[in-house]
N, C-alpha and C. Protein backbone atom coordinates (compact mmCIF):
# COMPACT_ATOMS: atom_id res chain seq x y z
N UNK A 1 0.90 -1.37 -0.03
CA UNK A 1 -0.11 0.13 0.14
C UNK A 1 1.05 1.21 -0.04
N UNK A 2 1.81 1.19 0.92
CA UNK A 2 2.89 2.38 0.76
C UNK A 2 3.57 2.44 -0.54
N UNK A 3 3.79 1.53 -1.22
CA UNK A 3 4.83 1.45 -2.12
C UNK A 3 3.74 2.01 -3.23
N UNK A 4 2.60 1.69 -3.52
CA UNK A 4 1.55 2.10 -4.55
C UNK A 4 1.42 3.62 -4.06
N UNK A 5 0.94 3.97 -3.08
CA UNK A 5 0.98 5.38 -2.76
C UNK A 5 2.13 6.35 -3.10
N UNK A 6 3.64 5.74 -2.80
CA UNK A 6 4.82 6.20 -3.15
C UNK A 6 5.02 6.48 -4.76
N UNK A 7 4.55 5.51 -5.24
CA UNK A 7 4.41 5.22 -7.22
C UNK A 7 3.90 6.35 -7.62
N UNK A 8 2.44 6.51 -7.14
CA UNK A 8 1.57 7.44 -7.53
C UNK A 8 1.98 8.83 -7.12
N UNK A 9 2.44 9.02 -6.27
CA UNK A 9 2.96 10.37 -5.83
C UNK A 9 4.25 10.77 -6.73
N UNK A 10 5.44 9.63 -6.89
CA UNK A 10 6.40 10.05 -7.93
C UNK A 10 5.53 10.41 -9.31
N UNK A 11 4.64 9.54 -9.59
CA UNK A 11 3.99 9.85 -10.87
C UNK A 11 3.62 11.65 -10.77
N UNK A 12 2.89 11.80 -9.91
CA UNK A 12 2.31 13.28 -9.98
C UNK A 12 3.50 14.23 -9.92
N UNK A 13 4.49 13.97 -9.12
CA UNK A 13 5.82 14.99 -9.20
C UNK A 13 6.45 14.96 -10.41
N UNK A 14 6.78 13.94 -11.24
CA UNK A 14 7.25 14.04 -12.22
C UNK A 14 6.47 14.68 -13.45
N UNK A 15 5.13 14.47 -13.58
CA UNK A 15 4.45 14.98 -14.47
C UNK A 15 4.16 16.48 -13.95
N UNK A 16 3.97 16.84 -13.08
CA UNK A 16 4.21 18.31 -12.70
C UNK A 16 5.50 19.06 -13.28
N UNK A 17 6.73 18.23 -13.02
CA UNK A 17 7.85 19.06 -13.51
C UNK A 17 7.89 18.94 -14.98
N UNK A 18 7.29 17.93 -15.66
CA UNK A 18 7.29 18.00 -17.25
C UNK A 18 6.36 19.04 -17.64
N UNK A 19 5.63 19.45 -16.98
CA UNK A 19 4.92 21.07 -17.02
C UNK A 19 5.77 22.00 -17.50
N UNK A 20 6.82 22.17 -16.95
CA UNK A 20 7.99 23.41 -16.78
C UNK A 20 8.77 23.05 -18.02
N UNK A 21 9.45 21.76 -17.83
CA UNK A 21 10.41 21.41 -18.85
C UNK A 21 10.07 20.01 -19.32
N UNK A 22 9.97 19.61 -20.35
CA UNK A 22 9.57 18.36 -20.96
C UNK A 22 10.63 17.34 -21.02
N UNK A 23 11.69 18.09 -21.32
CA UNK A 23 12.77 16.87 -21.51
C UNK A 23 13.63 16.78 -20.30
N UNK A 24 13.80 17.62 -19.29
CA UNK A 24 14.78 17.59 -18.30
C UNK A 24 14.05 16.31 -17.33
N UNK A 25 12.75 16.11 -16.74
CA UNK A 25 12.63 15.02 -16.31
C UNK A 25 12.49 13.62 -16.78
N UNK A 26 12.15 13.63 -18.30
CA UNK A 26 12.50 12.35 -18.98
C UNK A 26 13.59 12.21 -18.90
N UNK A 27 14.67 12.89 -19.36
CA UNK A 27 16.29 12.60 -19.20
C UNK A 27 16.42 12.03 -17.65
N UNK A 28 16.29 12.76 -16.83
CA UNK A 28 16.47 12.22 -15.42
C UNK A 28 16.04 10.77 -15.05
N UNK A 29 14.67 10.64 -15.21
CA UNK A 29 14.13 9.24 -15.11
C UNK A 29 14.81 8.21 -15.91
N UNK A 30 15.20 8.69 -17.27
CA UNK A 30 15.88 7.63 -18.14
C UNK A 30 17.14 7.18 -17.48
N UNK A 31 17.91 8.27 -17.29
CA UNK A 31 19.51 7.99 -16.65
C UNK A 31 19.39 7.44 -15.08
N UNK A 32 18.22 7.71 -14.35
CA UNK A 32 18.16 7.12 -13.05
C UNK A 32 17.81 5.40 -13.22
N UNK A 33 16.91 5.36 -14.35
CA UNK A 33 16.37 3.95 -14.32
C UNK A 33 17.55 2.94 -15.21
N UNK A 34 18.31 3.78 -15.97
CA UNK A 34 19.56 2.97 -16.46
C UNK A 34 20.62 2.66 -15.50
N UNK A 35 20.97 3.65 -14.36
CA UNK A 35 22.11 3.51 -13.74
C UNK A 35 21.82 3.32 -12.19
N UNK A 36 20.49 3.07 -11.81
CA UNK A 36 20.40 2.91 -10.26
C UNK A 36 19.09 1.95 -10.52
N UNK A 37 18.73 1.49 -9.14
CA UNK A 37 17.54 0.77 -8.99
C UNK A 37 16.56 1.82 -8.24
N UNK A 38 16.65 2.88 -8.36
CA UNK A 38 15.57 3.94 -7.70
C UNK A 38 14.30 4.12 -8.64
N UNK A 39 14.42 3.71 -9.91
CA UNK A 39 13.60 3.82 -10.75
C UNK A 39 13.48 2.46 -11.58
N UNK A 40 12.22 1.73 -11.51
CA UNK A 40 12.16 0.64 -12.49
C UNK A 40 11.26 0.92 -13.71
N UNK A 41 11.29 0.91 -14.59
CA UNK A 41 10.55 1.00 -16.09
C UNK A 41 10.20 -0.03 -16.60
N UNK A 42 8.85 -0.57 -16.48
CA UNK A 42 8.24 -1.72 -17.09
C UNK A 42 8.30 -1.68 -18.57
N UNK A 43 7.87 -2.59 -19.33
CA UNK A 43 7.68 -2.40 -20.82
C UNK A 43 6.22 -1.79 -20.90
N UNK A 44 6.14 -0.66 -21.85
CA UNK A 44 7.08 -0.56 -22.95
C UNK A 44 7.94 0.50 -22.54
N UNK A 45 7.95 1.21 -21.14
CA UNK A 45 8.55 2.45 -21.07
C UNK A 45 10.22 2.14 -20.80
N UNK A 46 10.70 0.72 -20.59
CA UNK A 46 11.91 0.67 -20.46
C UNK A 46 12.80 1.08 -21.75
N UNK A 47 12.29 1.31 -22.90
CA UNK A 47 13.09 1.88 -23.92
C UNK A 47 13.54 3.23 -23.62
N UNK A 48 13.03 3.81 -22.84
CA UNK A 48 13.41 5.22 -22.31
C UNK A 48 14.80 4.93 -21.65
N UNK A 49 15.39 3.80 -21.35
CA UNK A 49 16.88 3.45 -20.78
C UNK A 49 17.89 3.07 -22.08
N UNK A 50 17.50 3.14 -23.32
CA UNK A 50 18.48 2.83 -24.50
C UNK A 50 19.07 4.05 -24.69
N UNK A 51 20.44 4.08 -25.22
CA UNK A 51 21.37 5.23 -25.34
C UNK A 51 20.57 6.11 -26.70
N UNK A 52 20.07 5.56 -27.41
CA UNK A 52 19.42 6.40 -28.64
C UNK A 52 18.47 7.33 -28.08
N UNK A 53 17.66 6.99 -26.89
CA UNK A 53 16.59 7.68 -26.37
C UNK A 53 17.24 8.58 -25.66
N UNK A 54 18.36 8.11 -24.74
CA UNK A 54 18.93 9.20 -23.90
C UNK A 54 19.61 10.51 -24.57
N UNK A 55 20.20 10.03 -25.73
CA UNK A 55 20.83 10.92 -26.45
C UNK A 55 19.97 11.76 -27.06
N UNK A 56 18.84 11.44 -27.47
CA UNK A 56 17.84 12.43 -28.07
C UNK A 56 17.29 13.30 -27.21
N UNK A 57 16.83 12.70 -25.99
CA UNK A 57 16.50 13.58 -24.94
C UNK A 57 17.40 14.49 -24.41
N UNK A 58 18.63 14.53 -24.48
CA UNK A 58 19.72 15.09 -24.20
C UNK A 58 19.70 16.39 -25.08
N UNK A 59 19.72 16.13 -26.33
CA UNK A 59 19.76 16.90 -27.20
C UNK A 59 18.59 17.83 -27.47
N UNK A 60 17.22 17.37 -27.14
CA UNK A 60 16.04 18.03 -27.13
C UNK A 60 15.90 19.12 -26.03
N UNK A 61 16.74 18.49 -24.64
CA UNK A 61 16.87 19.40 -23.56
C UNK A 61 17.78 20.48 -23.92
N UNK A 62 18.59 20.46 -24.59
CA UNK A 62 19.74 21.64 -24.81
C UNK A 62 18.76 22.47 -25.60
N UNK A 63 18.06 21.95 -26.72
CA UNK A 63 17.34 22.92 -27.61
C UNK A 63 16.46 23.88 -26.57
N UNK A 64 15.77 23.14 -26.07
CA UNK A 64 14.41 23.74 -25.05
C UNK A 64 15.13 24.60 -23.99
N UNK A 65 16.17 24.25 -23.57
CA UNK A 65 16.90 25.47 -22.59
C UNK A 65 17.39 26.62 -23.25
N UNK A 66 17.86 26.24 -24.46
CA UNK A 66 18.47 27.61 -25.21
C UNK A 66 17.23 28.41 -25.64
N UNK A 67 16.42 27.86 -26.44
CA UNK A 67 15.39 28.51 -27.00
C UNK A 67 14.37 29.40 -25.82
N UNK A 68 14.50 28.69 -24.96
CA UNK A 68 13.47 29.21 -23.72
C UNK A 68 13.83 30.56 -22.95
N UNK A 69 15.29 30.78 -23.43
CA UNK A 69 15.87 31.79 -22.85
C UNK A 69 15.86 33.11 -23.70
N UNK A 70 15.21 32.92 -24.82
CA UNK A 70 15.32 34.19 -25.78
C UNK A 70 13.71 34.70 -26.02
N UNK A 71 13.64 36.08 -25.50
CA UNK A 71 12.19 36.70 -25.82
C UNK A 71 11.68 36.52 -27.24
N UNK A 72 10.20 36.27 -27.24
CA UNK A 72 9.56 36.05 -28.25
C UNK A 72 9.80 34.51 -28.90
N UNK A 73 11.04 34.24 -28.64
CA UNK A 73 11.26 32.92 -29.19
C UNK A 73 10.73 31.89 -28.14
N UNK A 74 10.85 32.17 -26.83
CA UNK A 74 10.37 31.23 -25.80
C UNK A 74 8.63 31.44 -25.76
N UNK A 75 8.02 32.44 -26.29
CA UNK A 75 6.77 32.24 -26.34
C UNK A 75 6.27 31.15 -27.52
N UNK A 76 7.04 31.21 -28.56
CA UNK A 76 6.79 30.33 -29.78
C UNK A 76 7.32 28.92 -29.17
N UNK A 77 8.05 28.71 -28.14
CA UNK A 77 8.61 27.35 -27.81
C UNK A 77 7.26 26.91 -27.01
N UNK A 78 6.79 27.90 -26.15
CA UNK A 78 5.50 27.39 -25.35
C UNK A 78 4.44 26.85 -25.98
N UNK A 79 4.17 27.71 -27.38
CA UNK A 79 3.05 27.17 -28.07
C UNK A 79 3.44 25.80 -28.62
N UNK A 80 4.70 25.67 -29.12
CA UNK A 80 5.09 24.19 -29.74
C UNK A 80 4.99 23.05 -28.41
N UNK A 81 5.51 23.67 -27.04
CA UNK A 81 5.34 22.74 -26.00
C UNK A 81 4.13 22.47 -25.61
N UNK A 82 3.05 22.96 -26.25
CA UNK A 82 1.47 22.84 -25.82
C UNK A 82 1.43 21.52 -25.88
N UNK A 83 1.64 20.65 -26.94
CA UNK A 83 1.74 19.17 -26.82
C UNK A 83 2.83 18.54 -26.33
N UNK A 84 4.13 19.23 -26.35
CA UNK A 84 5.14 18.23 -25.89
C UNK A 84 5.13 18.18 -24.24
N UNK A 85 4.87 18.95 -23.53
CA UNK A 85 4.91 18.94 -22.08
C UNK A 85 3.93 18.09 -21.62
N UNK A 86 2.61 18.41 -22.04
CA UNK A 86 1.59 17.07 -21.48
C UNK A 86 1.73 16.01 -21.97
N UNK A 87 2.29 15.41 -23.10
CA UNK A 87 2.58 14.45 -23.56
C UNK A 87 3.95 13.71 -22.54
N UNK A 88 4.87 14.35 -22.49
CA UNK A 88 6.09 14.12 -21.56
C UNK A 88 5.57 13.80 -20.06
N UNK A 89 4.25 14.86 -19.41
CA UNK A 89 3.66 14.37 -18.45
C UNK A 89 2.92 13.16 -18.53
N UNK A 90 2.27 13.00 -19.67
CA UNK A 90 1.72 11.66 -19.74
C UNK A 90 2.58 10.18 -19.86
N UNK A 91 3.60 10.55 -20.45
CA UNK A 91 4.41 9.29 -20.52
C UNK A 91 5.19 9.02 -18.98
N UNK A 92 5.63 10.17 -18.44
CA UNK A 92 6.51 9.99 -17.18
C UNK A 92 5.00 9.52 -15.86
N UNK A 93 4.10 10.12 -15.92
CA UNK A 93 2.80 9.25 -15.17
C UNK A 93 2.66 7.82 -15.52
N UNK A 94 2.45 7.40 -16.53
CA UNK A 94 2.22 6.26 -16.86
C UNK A 94 3.47 5.21 -16.55
N UNK A 95 4.79 5.71 -17.23
CA UNK A 95 5.75 5.07 -16.56
C UNK A 95 6.08 4.85 -15.18
N UNK A 96 5.75 5.68 -14.17
CA UNK A 96 5.94 5.79 -12.95
C UNK A 96 5.15 5.16 -12.13
N UNK A 97 3.64 5.11 -12.84
CA UNK A 97 2.67 4.33 -11.93
C UNK A 97 2.40 3.00 -12.61
N UNK A 98 3.14 2.66 -13.47
CA UNK A 98 3.05 1.15 -13.92
C UNK A 98 3.20 0.19 -13.17
N UNK A 99 3.98 0.61 -12.03
CA UNK A 99 4.10 -0.76 -11.05
C UNK A 99 3.07 -0.94 -10.16
N UNK A 100 1.91 0.02 -10.34
CA UNK A 100 0.68 -0.36 -9.51
C UNK A 100 -0.18 -0.94 -10.49
N UNK A 101 -0.45 -2.22 -9.91
CA UNK A 101 -1.50 -2.90 -11.05
C UNK A 101 -3.07 -2.47 -10.97
N UNK A 102 -3.47 -1.86 -10.10
CA UNK A 102 -4.79 -1.35 -10.12
C UNK A 102 -5.27 -0.26 -10.82
N UNK A 103 -4.24 0.44 -11.56
CA UNK A 103 -4.28 1.70 -11.88
C UNK A 103 -4.21 1.51 -13.49
N UNK A 104 -5.24 1.76 -14.12
CA UNK A 104 -5.46 1.65 -15.58
C UNK A 104 -4.59 2.56 -16.39
N UNK A 105 -3.96 1.81 -17.58
CA UNK A 105 -2.86 2.60 -18.34
C UNK A 105 -3.47 4.37 -18.80
N UNK A 106 -4.76 4.04 -19.26
CA UNK A 106 -5.37 5.20 -19.88
C UNK A 106 -5.56 6.51 -18.85
N UNK A 107 -6.12 5.91 -17.77
CA UNK A 107 -6.42 6.69 -16.42
C UNK A 107 -4.74 7.07 -16.19
N UNK A 108 -3.83 6.80 -16.41
CA UNK A 108 -2.56 7.45 -15.86
C UNK A 108 -2.07 8.21 -16.85
N UNK A 109 -2.48 7.86 -18.34
CA UNK A 109 -2.23 8.85 -19.40
C UNK A 109 -2.77 10.14 -19.16
N UNK A 110 -4.03 10.16 -19.03
CA UNK A 110 -4.93 10.99 -18.86
C UNK A 110 -4.57 11.98 -17.69
N UNK A 111 -4.23 11.22 -16.36
CA UNK A 111 -3.84 12.05 -15.38
C UNK A 111 -2.33 12.90 -15.58
N UNK A 112 -1.62 12.16 -16.24
CA UNK A 112 -0.43 12.95 -16.70
C UNK A 112 -0.49 14.01 -17.60
N UNK A 113 -1.64 13.58 -18.92
CA UNK A 113 -1.67 14.94 -19.65
C UNK A 113 -2.43 16.39 -18.90
N UNK A 114 -3.48 16.06 -17.90
CA UNK A 114 -4.17 17.03 -17.28
C UNK A 114 -2.93 17.66 -16.21
N UNK A 115 -2.08 17.15 -15.53
CA UNK A 115 -1.37 17.79 -14.77
C UNK A 115 -0.07 18.38 -15.28
N UNK A 116 0.60 17.77 -16.30
CA UNK A 116 1.60 18.45 -16.91
C UNK A 116 1.10 19.77 -17.91
N UNK A 117 -0.35 19.57 -18.22
CA UNK A 117 -0.70 20.42 -19.24
C UNK A 117 -1.43 21.72 -18.34
N UNK A 118 -1.62 21.27 -16.88
CA UNK A 118 -1.97 22.60 -16.17
C UNK A 118 -0.86 23.43 -15.80
N UNK A 119 0.13 22.62 -15.41
CA UNK A 119 1.35 23.31 -15.07
C UNK A 119 1.87 24.40 -16.42
N UNK A 120 1.80 23.49 -17.03
CA UNK A 120 2.39 24.18 -18.61
C UNK A 120 1.52 25.67 -18.81
N UNK A 121 0.03 25.43 -18.70
CA UNK A 121 -0.92 26.42 -18.73
C UNK A 121 -0.62 27.72 -18.11
N UNK A 122 -0.15 27.41 -16.89
CA UNK A 122 -0.14 28.40 -15.92
C UNK A 122 1.37 28.98 -16.35
N UNK A 123 2.22 28.44 -16.87
CA UNK A 123 3.53 28.97 -17.33
C UNK A 123 3.43 29.70 -18.51
N UNK A 124 2.52 29.15 -19.42
CA UNK A 124 2.38 29.84 -20.54
C UNK A 124 1.44 31.40 -20.53
N UNK A 125 0.79 31.24 -19.31
CA UNK A 125 -0.09 32.46 -18.99
C UNK A 125 0.69 33.46 -18.38
N UNK A 126 1.75 32.97 -17.49
CA UNK A 126 2.80 34.10 -16.63
C UNK A 126 3.92 34.54 -17.64
N UNK A 127 4.15 33.70 -18.42
CA UNK A 127 5.62 34.15 -19.17
C UNK A 127 5.42 35.56 -20.19
N UNK A 128 4.24 35.79 -20.79
CA UNK A 128 3.91 36.83 -21.47
C UNK A 128 4.09 38.16 -20.58
N UNK A 129 3.35 38.20 -19.31
CA UNK A 129 3.40 38.86 -18.27
C UNK A 129 4.68 39.17 -18.25
N UNK A 130 5.65 38.34 -17.90
CA UNK A 130 7.03 38.59 -17.70
C UNK A 130 7.79 39.52 -18.72
N UNK A 131 7.43 38.99 -19.84
CA UNK A 131 7.87 39.62 -21.12
C UNK A 131 7.68 41.18 -21.23
N UNK A 132 6.20 41.13 -21.09
CA UNK A 132 5.92 42.50 -20.95
C UNK A 132 6.24 43.70 -19.86
N UNK A 133 6.27 43.03 -18.65
CA UNK A 133 6.98 44.00 -17.50
C UNK A 133 8.31 44.26 -17.76
N UNK A 134 9.01 43.22 -18.23
CA UNK A 134 10.47 43.67 -18.20
C UNK A 134 11.13 43.92 -19.69
N UNK A 135 10.36 44.00 -20.66
CA UNK A 135 10.80 44.14 -22.16
C UNK A 135 11.63 43.12 -22.38
N UNK A 136 11.33 41.78 -21.90
CA UNK A 136 11.89 40.49 -22.39
C UNK A 136 13.17 40.47 -21.65
N UNK A 137 13.76 41.33 -21.14
CA UNK A 137 15.06 41.11 -20.03
C UNK A 137 14.74 40.26 -18.86
N UNK A 138 13.64 39.84 -18.53
CA UNK A 138 13.47 38.92 -17.30
C UNK A 138 13.44 37.63 -17.81
N UNK A 139 13.38 37.23 -19.21
CA UNK A 139 12.64 35.84 -19.60
C UNK A 139 13.86 34.74 -19.24
N UNK A 140 15.17 35.26 -19.52
CA UNK A 140 16.20 34.31 -19.02
C UNK A 140 16.15 33.73 -17.77
N UNK A 141 16.15 34.77 -16.93
CA UNK A 141 16.18 34.45 -15.31
C UNK A 141 14.76 33.69 -14.98
N UNK A 142 13.72 33.89 -15.53
CA UNK A 142 12.69 33.24 -15.19
C UNK A 142 12.77 31.67 -15.64
N UNK A 143 13.21 31.96 -17.14
CA UNK A 143 13.53 30.35 -17.58
C UNK A 143 14.47 29.65 -16.68
N UNK A 144 15.50 30.15 -16.23
CA UNK A 144 16.69 29.33 -15.36
C UNK A 144 15.58 28.84 -14.20
N UNK A 145 15.17 29.80 -13.45
CA UNK A 145 14.36 29.37 -12.28
C UNK A 145 13.50 28.19 -12.52
N UNK A 146 12.64 28.33 -13.80
CA UNK A 146 11.47 26.99 -14.14
C UNK A 146 12.55 25.98 -14.31
N UNK A 147 13.73 26.07 -14.99
CA UNK A 147 14.49 24.67 -15.09
C UNK A 147 15.05 24.42 -13.85
N UNK A 148 15.66 24.92 -12.76
CA UNK A 148 15.90 24.81 -11.59
C UNK A 148 14.62 24.02 -10.65
N UNK A 149 13.59 24.52 -10.81
CA UNK A 149 12.18 23.90 -10.12
C UNK A 149 12.13 22.70 -10.82
N UNK A 150 12.27 22.50 -12.40
CA UNK A 150 11.89 21.40 -12.82
C UNK A 150 12.90 20.36 -12.32
N UNK A 151 14.16 20.54 -12.11
CA UNK A 151 15.22 19.68 -11.83
C UNK A 151 15.33 19.35 -10.40
N UNK A 152 14.56 20.21 -9.42
CA UNK A 152 14.52 19.99 -8.13
C UNK A 152 13.26 18.97 -7.84
N UNK A 153 12.16 19.50 -8.64
CA UNK A 153 10.87 18.49 -8.36
C UNK A 153 11.17 17.05 -8.79
N UNK A 154 12.02 16.90 -10.05
CA UNK A 154 11.97 15.82 -10.41
C UNK A 154 12.79 14.83 -9.43
N UNK A 155 13.99 15.27 -8.95
CA UNK A 155 14.89 14.46 -7.99
C UNK A 155 14.00 14.37 -6.89
N UNK A 156 13.22 15.27 -6.29
CA UNK A 156 12.29 14.89 -5.05
C UNK A 156 11.25 14.05 -5.31
N UNK A 157 10.68 13.94 -6.57
CA UNK A 157 9.69 13.19 -6.91
C UNK A 157 10.30 11.51 -6.94
N UNK A 158 11.46 11.35 -7.24
CA UNK A 158 12.14 10.10 -7.08
C UNK A 158 12.58 9.99 -5.90
N UNK A 159 13.07 10.87 -5.19
CA UNK A 159 13.72 10.21 -3.70
C UNK A 159 12.64 10.85 -2.59
N UNK A 160 11.81 11.72 -2.58
CA UNK A 160 10.94 11.89 -1.60
C UNK A 160 9.39 12.31 -2.18
N UNK A 161 8.70 11.42 -2.73
CA UNK A 161 7.48 11.63 -3.73
C UNK A 161 6.36 12.47 -2.82
N UNK A 162 6.23 12.32 -1.45
CA UNK A 162 5.19 13.05 -0.74
C UNK A 162 5.48 14.42 -0.77
N UNK A 163 6.70 14.63 -0.62
CA UNK A 163 6.87 16.42 -0.55
C UNK A 163 6.69 17.08 -1.69
N UNK A 164 6.93 16.28 -2.96
CA UNK A 164 6.70 17.04 -4.24
C UNK A 164 5.18 17.25 -4.40
N UNK A 165 4.32 15.98 -3.92
CA UNK A 165 2.90 16.29 -4.15
C UNK A 165 2.56 17.56 -3.27
N UNK A 166 2.69 17.45 -1.96
CA UNK A 166 2.26 18.77 -1.35
C UNK A 166 2.80 20.07 -1.91
N UNK A 167 3.91 20.11 -2.06
CA UNK A 167 4.43 21.48 -2.72
C UNK A 167 3.69 21.69 -3.80
N UNK A 168 3.14 20.96 -4.79
CA UNK A 168 2.53 21.00 -6.21
C UNK A 168 0.96 21.45 -5.70
N UNK A 169 0.55 20.77 -4.61
CA UNK A 169 -0.73 21.40 -4.44
C UNK A 169 -0.87 22.54 -3.90
N UNK A 170 0.06 23.03 -3.01
CA UNK A 170 0.08 24.40 -2.43
C UNK A 170 0.39 25.35 -3.29
N UNK A 171 1.31 25.14 -4.44
CA UNK A 171 1.57 26.17 -5.70
C UNK A 171 0.19 26.23 -6.39
N UNK A 172 -0.48 25.27 -6.43
CA UNK A 172 -1.77 25.29 -7.30
C UNK A 172 -2.85 26.02 -6.54
N UNK A 173 -2.77 25.81 -5.25
CA UNK A 173 -3.59 26.82 -4.21
C UNK A 173 -3.32 28.05 -4.39
N UNK A 174 -1.95 28.40 -4.25
CA UNK A 174 -1.91 29.76 -4.25
C UNK A 174 -1.79 30.33 -5.32
N UNK A 175 -1.83 29.82 -6.78
CA UNK A 175 -1.89 30.35 -7.85
C UNK A 175 -3.67 30.81 -8.08
N UNK A 176 -4.14 29.99 -7.70
CA UNK A 176 -5.92 30.11 -7.45
C UNK A 176 -6.26 31.05 -6.97
N UNK A 177 -5.71 31.11 -5.76
CA UNK A 177 -5.70 32.23 -4.53
C UNK A 177 -5.33 33.74 -5.35
N UNK A 178 -4.27 33.60 -5.75
CA UNK A 178 -3.58 34.99 -6.41
C UNK A 178 -5.05 35.41 -7.53
N UNK A 179 -4.95 34.50 -8.32
CA UNK A 179 -5.86 34.81 -9.61
C UNK A 179 -7.31 35.55 -9.11
N UNK A 180 -7.92 34.69 -7.95
CA UNK A 180 -9.21 35.08 -7.57
C UNK A 180 -9.27 36.49 -6.88
N UNK A 181 -7.89 36.57 -6.16
CA UNK A 181 -7.62 38.00 -5.54
C UNK A 181 -7.59 38.95 -6.46
N UNK A 182 -7.02 38.83 -7.79
CA UNK A 182 -6.43 39.75 -8.46
C UNK A 182 -7.79 40.15 -9.24
N UNK A 183 -8.70 39.02 -9.49
CA UNK A 183 -10.13 39.31 -10.34
C UNK A 183 -11.00 39.99 -9.37
N UNK A 184 -11.14 39.88 -7.90
CA UNK A 184 -11.98 40.98 -7.22
C UNK A 184 -11.32 42.26 -7.02
N UNK A 185 -9.79 42.32 -7.05
CA UNK A 185 -9.29 43.78 -7.21
C UNK A 185 -9.72 44.65 -8.21
N UNK A 186 -9.64 43.83 -9.52
CA UNK A 186 -10.10 44.54 -10.91
C UNK A 186 -11.54 44.75 -10.90
N UNK A 187 -12.47 44.06 -10.40
CA UNK A 187 -13.87 44.28 -10.44
C UNK A 187 -14.02 45.42 -9.13
N UNK A 188 -13.13 45.53 -8.44
CA UNK A 188 -13.45 47.09 -7.46
C UNK A 188 -13.12 48.25 -8.21
N UNK A 189 -12.17 47.88 -8.80
CA UNK A 189 -11.62 49.21 -9.59
C UNK A 189 -12.41 49.58 -10.53
């Protein structure tokens, strides 16, 4: 029971981090599964441990991390990643929760899509505001912070999954509180 909850918590954490950066959590999971016993990928997800997949993920990660630092190009990247990040979240959720026999694979894919898609949508809404308020000069700093958050949340999801689930729920709650408060302030003025 505890192992099943831990696997689901890991799946949630990895999917959330994929909403910030599609390839970083995929690469970390692939490398962790290849070189340690912290992550076990069942079929068909074990293909992620092959060198050609790891190399492809590393190349895609370098591209995403580069283009995400450039104003205007980062917005185009967010549009392209509207498909990529939720798909990565779906793969990570399904691969991580695959050791739980009771969770249907379709449900796992849908949960990963929704979670990563929600984080990506939040990022995609906030980024243009950063571009507008800083004339694009703050984009690289925000992108670095997002990459660091994706790295930390991926590592925590693997090593201490319950912490990442609680942190994700807290951040979603904080965002919705801020949005509701902002809408009330707009209505008052």
